[in-house]
Amino acid sequence: MASKKIKYISPQNYLKYYYDVPYEGKTSAGKPLRKLKDITCPYRGIKIISTTAINGFEKNLAKCKTAEDAVILLSNYKCNMLPTEKSMYAIFKDFSLINPDDNLQNCLQMIKTNCLTRLKLEEMEVLDDVDRLTRKLSPQTALRIRTKTTKCRQIIISSSTHDTFKRKTFLNSLEEIIPKENEREIFNNIKNKALFLPTSESSRNAFVVKYSKRNQTEIIRRIFIASTGSIEHVTPASNGGLNTIGNFLLTSASGNRYRENMPLCEYIKRHPKIPEYMQMYIEDIIREIHNGNLQGNETYPYKIKKKLFEESDGRIMISLSSYKYSEEEAAQAVEEYEHRWDRK
């Protein structure tokens, strides 16, 4: 996507415009969460960059001309970076020491060939996992899936210099298959496994291959955006999840985007520390409520606790022992806030 100059992009549209975070345009009920600062990402454990930082970042980004400029700007957000982005920052930092007046795109182009080879191997490993799961299906269904994975392999090995197959195309192709009734659970497991195909969120190699085509401004913005605040549906909207705060988490944009429609219990398999991070998240939320920064939403901890328990099949059990409100007191606080608001 080419970088575009526009006068102003709201925080939620910023993510949609530059990063294609799903459903960001339909989450106005999450506005109270967006205003919070110093919140732990419940998926990845890093501190989320507040959306209030976006305007300042964009102003400084416009001044970045060289690799050295880029590293100086990104250094302000190093403590917020996720593993893939932190790894890329380290590469950029080393590059800028030797080539301070060069740019980040040239850095990526220098290492693209080796990263592309490694990316192909990562993709093959996931396709191998998919094929292994097909052994539990009927021969007819298994053959249809293996036909698709074989086609992907052919694309992967057809050239050592071109990009690999399109992940989204393969995921969509699986939707064309209609399994037998008694195969649905296994088939869903296969689709969830396919979601683990590497992306620029999960793989440094995928990041290099994708962004070696982008200019420096887009590369810097991508590093920053990954850790900015995003409203996430616990139950995905595509699965009937409601656009209410009781179904929302404030997450990093990368954690939101990489989950896609993956069931939360499956996402936990990818990131086993999610239950721990969820507790850290709720403690931050409780702190903000106690500080008066989430008025009218005092019942949120109880709502999200129940929602997370249900969506994770009991794998996430949040403690609210530090919360000063009982469930009844929280409901009363909400009622009193709404009454005061109505009187205004």
Protein backbone atom coordinates (compact mmCIF):
# COMPACT_ATOMS: atom_id res chain seq x y z
CA MET A 1 0.00 0.00 0.00
CA ALA A 2 1.51 3.32 -1.01
CA SER A 3 1.93 5.97 1.65
CA LYS A 4 -0.67 8.73 1.31
CA LYS A 5 -0.78 12.26 2.64
CA ILE A 6 -4.00 13.20 4.34
CA LYS A 7 -4.85 15.95 6.81
CA TYR A 8 -6.12 13.83 9.69
CA ILE A 9 -6.93 10.19 10.39
CA SER A 10 -8.70 9.28 13.62
CA PRO A 11 -6.99 6.63 15.77
CA GLN A 12 -9.40 3.85 14.78
CA ASN A 13 -9.28 4.79 11.09
CA TYR A 14 -5.49 5.09 11.31
CA LEU A 15 -5.25 1.39 12.06
CA LYS A 16 -7.69 0.48 9.33
CA TYR A 17 -6.07 2.77 6.78
CA TYR A 18 -2.47 1.74 7.34
CA TYR A 19 -2.70 -1.73 8.89
CA ASP A 20 -6.03 -3.27 7.90
CA VAL A 21 -7.06 -4.21 11.44
CA PRO A 22 -10.42 -6.03 11.13
CA TYR A 23 -13.63 -4.42 12.37
CA GLU A 24 -11.92 -1.26 13.63
CA GLY A 25 -14.61 0.84 12.02
CA LYS A 26 -17.39 -0.82 14.02
CA THR A 27 -16.12 -0.50 17.57
CA SER A 28 -17.34 2.90 18.80
CA ALA A 29 -18.49 1.28 22.06
CA GLY A 30 -14.82 0.64 22.78
CA LYS A 31 -14.02 4.36 22.91
CA PRO A 32 -13.62 4.36 26.74
CA LEU A 33 -10.94 1.68 26.43
CA ARG A 34 -9.08 3.57 23.71
CA LYS A 35 -8.49 6.50 26.06
CA LEU A 36 -6.61 4.40 28.61
CA LYS A 37 -2.82 4.52 28.96
CA ASP A 38 -0.15 2.13 30.22
CA ILE A 39 -2.27 -0.97 29.54
CA THR A 40 -0.72 -4.42 29.09
CA CYS A 41 -1.66 -6.17 25.87
CA PRO A 42 -3.70 -9.22 26.96
CA TYR A 43 -2.39 -11.24 24.01
CA ARG A 44 1.30 -10.36 23.91
CA GLY A 45 2.26 -8.90 27.30
CA ILE A 46 3.80 -5.62 26.07
CA LYS A 47 2.60 -2.18 27.11
CA ILE A 48 0.28 -0.82 24.42
CA ILE A 49 1.16 2.49 22.76
CA SER A 50 -1.68 4.90 23.47
CA THR A 51 -3.61 6.17 20.47
CA THR A 52 -2.89 9.68 21.75
CA ALA A 53 0.73 9.15 20.64
CA ILE A 54 -0.21 8.75 16.96
CA ASN A 55 -0.25 12.44 16.00
CA GLY A 56 3.15 13.09 17.58
CA PHE A 57 4.60 10.02 15.92
CA GLU A 58 3.33 11.05 12.47
CA LYS A 59 4.80 14.53 12.91
CA ASN A 60 8.23 13.09 13.69
CA LEU A 61 7.91 10.48 10.95
CA ALA A 62 7.60 13.22 8.34
CA LYS A 63 11.11 14.38 9.33
CA CYS A 64 12.77 10.97 8.87
CA LYS A 65 15.00 10.93 5.82
CA THR A 66 17.75 8.44 6.63
CA ALA A 67 18.22 5.08 8.35
CA GLU A 68 19.79 6.91 11.29
CA ASP A 69 16.72 9.16 11.60
CA ALA A 70 14.46 6.09 11.54
CA VAL A 71 16.35 4.31 14.31
CA ILE A 72 16.32 7.40 16.50
CA LEU A 73 12.54 7.73 16.13
CA LEU A 74 11.88 4.02 16.70
CA SER A 75 14.12 3.95 19.79
CA ASN A 76 11.37 5.89 21.61
CA TYR A 77 9.10 2.84 21.30
CA LYS A 78 11.59 0.01 21.80
CA CYS A 79 10.10 -0.99 25.17
CA ASN A 80 6.68 -1.39 23.51
CA MET A 81 7.87 -3.54 20.61
CA LEU A 82 6.75 -7.11 20.01
CA PRO A 83 9.37 -9.81 19.26
CA THR A 84 9.26 -9.55 15.45
CA GLU A 85 9.39 -5.76 15.49
CA LYS A 86 12.12 -5.71 18.15
CA SER A 87 14.18 -8.09 16.03
CA MET A 88 13.76 -5.83 12.99
CA TYR A 89 14.70 -2.79 15.06
CA ALA A 90 17.98 -4.51 16.05
CA ILE A 91 18.74 -5.18 12.38
CA PHE A 92 17.98 -1.57 11.45
CA LYS A 93 20.13 -0.27 14.28
CA ASP A 94 23.16 -2.29 13.14
CA PHE A 95 22.57 -1.22 9.55
CA SER A 96 22.36 2.48 10.48
CA LEU A 97 25.70 2.35 12.30
CA ILE A 98 27.41 1.35 9.06
CA ASN A 99 25.11 3.14 6.61
CA PRO A 100 23.62 6.12 8.51
CA ASP A 101 22.62 8.02 5.36
CA ASP A 102 21.04 5.03 3.61
CA ASN A 103 17.40 3.94 4.11
CA LEU A 104 15.58 0.99 5.64
CA GLN A 105 14.22 -0.34 2.35
CA ASN A 106 17.75 -0.91 1.07
CA CYS A 107 18.53 -2.70 4.32
CA LEU A 108 15.66 -5.15 3.75
CA GLN A 109 16.55 -5.67 0.12
CA MET A 110 20.07 -6.67 1.13
CA ILE A 111 18.84 -9.54 3.31
CA LYS A 112 15.70 -10.51 1.40
CA THR A 113 17.13 -13.51 -0.48
CA ASN A 114 18.16 -15.43 2.64
CA CYS A 115 14.95 -14.50 4.46
CA LEU A 116 12.85 -15.69 1.52
CA THR A 117 14.50 -19.12 1.67
CA ARG A 118 13.83 -19.37 5.41
CA LEU A 119 10.24 -18.20 4.91
CA LYS A 120 9.61 -20.97 2.39
CA LEU A 121 10.82 -23.52 4.97
CA GLU A 122 8.51 -22.04 7.63
CA GLU A 123 5.57 -22.33 5.26
CA MET A 124 6.45 -25.92 4.38
CA GLU A 125 6.46 -26.87 8.06
CA VAL A 126 2.92 -25.59 8.57
CA LEU A 127 1.72 -27.36 5.41
CA ASP A 128 3.29 -30.56 6.76
CA ASP A 129 1.29 -30.13 9.97
CA VAL A 130 -1.90 -29.64 7.93
CA ASP A 131 -1.23 -32.79 5.93
CA ARG A 132 -0.63 -34.82 9.09
CA LEU A 133 -4.04 -33.82 10.41
CA THR A 134 -5.74 -35.00 7.19
CA ARG A 135 -4.91 -38.59 8.15
CA LYS A 136 -7.89 -38.44 10.49
CA LEU A 137 -10.29 -37.59 7.65
CA SER A 138 -11.95 -39.71 5.00
CA PRO A 139 -9.74 -40.36 1.93
CA GLN A 140 -11.98 -38.13 -0.22
CA THR A 141 -11.76 -35.09 2.08
CA ALA A 142 -8.08 -35.65 2.80
CA LEU A 143 -7.29 -35.76 -0.92
CA ARG A 144 -9.05 -32.45 -1.54
CA ILE A 145 -7.01 -30.76 1.17
CA ARG A 146 -3.74 -32.35 0.08
CA THR A 147 -4.37 -31.24 -3.47
CA LYS A 148 -4.42 -27.68 -2.20
CA THR A 149 -1.31 -28.06 0.01
CA THR A 150 0.52 -29.72 -2.90
CA LYS A 151 -0.30 -26.75 -5.12
CA CYS A 152 1.07 -24.45 -2.44
CA ARG A 153 4.30 -26.45 -2.26
CA GLN A 154 4.69 -26.26 -6.02
CA ILE A 155 4.43 -22.48 -5.86
CA ILE A 156 6.88 -22.32 -2.96
CA ILE A 157 9.61 -24.33 -4.71
CA SER A 158 8.97 -23.08 -8.26
CA SER A 159 11.38 -20.17 -7.84
CA SER A 160 13.98 -19.16 -5.31
CA THR A 161 13.77 -15.48 -6.25
CA HIS A 162 10.04 -14.72 -6.19
CA ASP A 163 7.66 -14.40 -3.29
CA THR A 164 5.87 -17.44 -1.97
CA PHE A 165 2.19 -18.29 -2.36
CA LYS A 166 -0.49 -16.01 -0.95
CA ARG A 167 -1.48 -17.14 2.54
CA LYS A 168 -4.95 -15.62 2.27
CA THR A 169 -5.61 -17.44 -1.01
CA PHE A 170 -4.85 -20.79 0.63
CA LEU A 171 -7.01 -20.01 3.68
CA ASN A 172 -9.91 -19.03 1.41
CA SER A 173 -9.48 -22.19 -0.65
CA LEU A 174 -10.06 -24.31 2.45
CA GLU A 175 -13.48 -22.69 2.80
CA GLU A 176 -14.43 -24.29 -0.52
CA ILE A 177 -14.24 -27.73 1.08
CA ILE A 178 -17.38 -29.07 2.76
CA PRO A 179 -16.44 -31.92 5.12
CA LYS A 180 -18.73 -34.68 6.28
CA GLU A 181 -20.67 -34.03 9.47
CA ASN A 182 -18.44 -36.29 11.57
CA GLU A 183 -15.31 -34.57 10.19
CA ARG A 184 -16.16 -30.98 11.11
CA GLU A 185 -14.13 -30.84 14.31
CA ILE A 186 -10.98 -32.19 12.66
CA PHE A 187 -11.50 -29.93 9.65
CA ASN A 188 -11.79 -26.90 11.94
CA ASN A 189 -8.54 -27.95 13.60
CA ILE A 190 -6.93 -28.02 10.15
CA LYS A 191 -8.16 -24.52 9.36
CA ASN A 192 -6.86 -23.28 12.70
CA LYS A 193 -3.49 -24.90 12.02
CA ALA A 194 -3.37 -23.18 8.61
CA LEU A 195 -3.75 -19.82 10.37
CA PHE A 196 -0.26 -20.40 11.75
CA LEU A 197 1.25 -19.84 8.31
CA PRO A 198 3.85 -17.09 8.83
CA THR A 199 2.89 -13.44 8.53
CA SER A 200 4.82 -10.22 9.12
CA GLU A 201 3.37 -10.30 12.66
CA SER A 202 4.75 -13.73 13.51
CA SER A 203 7.87 -14.10 11.35
CA ARG A 204 10.89 -11.88 10.83
CA ASN A 205 11.44 -13.56 7.48
CA ALA A 206 7.91 -12.75 6.34
CA PHE A 207 8.38 -9.15 7.49
CA VAL A 208 11.57 -8.74 5.45
CA VAL A 209 10.07 -10.27 2.31
CA LYS A 210 6.89 -8.17 2.50
CA TYR A 211 8.38 -4.82 3.45
CA SER A 212 11.43 -4.97 1.17
CA LYS A 213 9.00 -3.59 -1.43
CA ARG A 214 7.89 -0.68 0.78
CA ASN A 215 9.51 2.70 1.30
CA GLN A 216 11.12 3.76 4.56
CA THR A 217 8.09 5.70 5.79
CA GLU A 218 5.85 2.63 5.49
CA ILE A 219 8.43 0.42 7.19
CA ILE A 220 8.80 2.77 10.17
CA ARG A 221 5.04 3.17 10.48
CA ARG A 222 4.54 -0.60 10.39
CA ILE A 223 6.96 -1.10 13.32
CA PHE A 224 5.10 1.53 15.34
CA ILE A 225 1.55 0.49 14.50
CA ALA A 226 2.03 -3.10 15.68
CA SER A 227 2.02 -1.96 19.31
CA THR A 228 -0.68 0.71 19.13
CA GLY A 229 -4.06 0.18 20.79
CA SER A 230 -6.77 -1.71 18.93
CA ILE A 231 -10.25 -2.83 19.93
CA GLU A 232 -10.57 -6.59 19.70
CA HIS A 233 -13.74 -8.69 19.70
CA VAL A 234 -13.33 -11.58 22.16
CA THR A 235 -16.05 -13.43 20.24
CA PRO A 236 -15.29 -12.46 16.62
CA ALA A 237 -17.93 -10.36 14.88
CA SER A 238 -17.96 -12.94 12.08
CA ASN A 239 -19.07 -15.51 14.66
CA GLY A 240 -21.86 -13.34 16.05
CA GLY A 241 -19.80 -11.35 18.55
CA LEU A 242 -21.53 -8.15 19.66
CA ASN A 243 -20.15 -4.63 19.34
CA THR A 244 -20.41 -3.97 23.07
CA ILE A 245 -17.71 -3.19 25.60
CA GLY A 246 -18.41 -6.51 27.35
CA ASN A 247 -17.07 -8.25 24.24
CA PHE A 248 -14.07 -5.93 23.79
CA LEU A 249 -10.43 -6.03 24.79
CA LEU A 250 -7.88 -3.28 24.27
CA THR A 251 -5.03 -5.13 22.55
CA SER A 252 -2.00 -4.33 20.46
CA ALA A 253 -2.91 -4.00 16.78
CA SER A 254 -0.60 -6.89 15.91
CA GLY A 255 -2.12 -9.20 18.53
CA ASN A 256 -5.58 -8.39 17.16
CA ARG A 257 -4.69 -8.82 13.50
CA TYR A 258 -2.75 -12.05 13.95
CA ARG A 259 -5.56 -13.74 15.86
CA GLU A 260 -7.96 -13.13 12.94
CA ASN A 261 -10.98 -15.40 13.57
CA MET A 262 -8.97 -18.00 15.46
CA PRO A 263 -10.85 -19.37 18.49
CA LEU A 264 -9.34 -17.99 21.68
CA CYS A 265 -8.56 -21.48 22.97
CA GLU A 266 -6.52 -22.09 19.79
CA TYR A 267 -4.77 -18.74 20.06
CA ILE A 268 -3.67 -19.69 23.57
CA LYS A 269 -1.88 -22.72 22.10
CA ARG A 270 0.13 -20.30 19.97
CA HIS A 271 0.79 -17.98 22.92
CA PRO A 272 0.57 -20.01 26.17
CA LYS A 273 1.14 -16.95 28.35
CA ILE A 274 -2.16 -15.34 27.32
CA PRO A 275 -3.94 -16.30 30.59
CA GLU A 276 -1.09 -14.62 32.52
CA TYR A 277 -1.23 -11.55 30.28
CA MET A 278 -5.01 -11.36 30.69
CA GLN A 279 -4.58 -11.08 34.46
CA MET A 280 -2.01 -8.31 33.97
CA TYR A 281 -4.45 -6.58 31.61
CA ILE A 282 -7.33 -6.72 34.07
CA GLU A 283 -5.13 -5.40 36.88
CA ASP A 284 -4.31 -2.40 34.68
CA ILE A 285 -8.01 -1.93 33.93
CA ILE A 286 -8.84 -2.09 37.64
CA ARG A 287 -6.17 0.54 38.34
CA GLU A 288 -7.70 2.83 35.72
CA ILE A 289 -11.21 2.35 37.14
CA HIS A 290 -9.95 3.09 40.66
CA ASN A 291 -8.33 6.25 39.24
CA GLY A 292 -11.67 7.33 37.77
CA ASN A 293 -10.68 6.82 34.13
CA LEU A 294 -13.42 4.38 33.10
CA GLN A 295 -16.50 5.89 34.71
CA GLY A 296 -19.78 4.30 33.70
CA ASN A 297 -18.05 1.01 32.92
CA GLU A 298 -17.41 -0.33 36.42
CA THR A 299 -19.08 -3.62 35.47
CA TYR A 300 -16.56 -4.20 32.65
CA PRO A 301 -14.20 -6.44 34.69
CA TYR A 302 -17.08 -8.78 35.55
CA LYS A 303 -18.40 -8.85 32.00
CA ILE A 304 -15.02 -9.49 30.39
CA LYS A 305 -14.12 -12.12 33.00
CA LYS A 306 -17.21 -14.13 32.07
CA LYS A 307 -16.71 -13.62 28.34
CA LEU A 308 -13.06 -14.72 28.45
CA PHE A 309 -13.90 -17.83 30.48
CA GLU A 310 -16.56 -18.83 27.96
CA GLU A 311 -14.57 -18.06 24.81
CA SER A 312 -11.43 -19.82 26.08
CA ASP A 313 -13.29 -22.98 27.16
CA GLY A 314 -12.32 -22.30 30.76
CA ARG A 315 -8.62 -21.74 30.09
CA ILE A 316 -8.74 -18.11 31.26
CA MET A 317 -9.83 -17.64 34.87
CA ILE A 318 -9.33 -14.03 35.91
CA SER A 319 -9.11 -13.01 39.55
CA LEU A 320 -10.81 -9.75 40.58
CA SER A 321 -9.57 -9.87 44.17
CA SER A 322 -7.99 -6.41 43.90
CA TYR A 323 -11.21 -4.80 42.66
CA LYS A 324 -12.90 -2.55 45.19
CA TYR A 325 -16.38 -3.09 43.74
CA SER A 326 -18.50 -6.17 44.22
CA GLU A 327 -20.61 -7.03 41.19
CA GLU A 328 -23.63 -5.37 42.79
CA GLU A 329 -21.64 -2.26 43.73
CA ALA A 330 -20.24 -2.02 40.21
CA ALA A 331 -23.76 -2.16 38.74
CA GLN A 332 -24.85 0.55 41.17
CA ALA A 333 -21.88 2.75 40.19
CA VAL A 334 -22.87 2.42 36.53
CA GLU A 335 -26.47 3.29 37.34
CA GLU A 336 -25.43 6.36 39.32
CA TYR A 337 -23.15 7.52 36.51
CA GLU A 338 -25.90 7.15 33.92
CA HIS A 339 -28.31 9.03 36.18
CA ARG A 340 -25.84 11.93 36.55
CA TRP A 341 -25.31 11.93 32.80
CA ASP A 342 -29.05 12.02 32.09
CA ARG A 343 -29.44 15.01 34.42
CA LYS A 344 -26.87 16.91 32.37
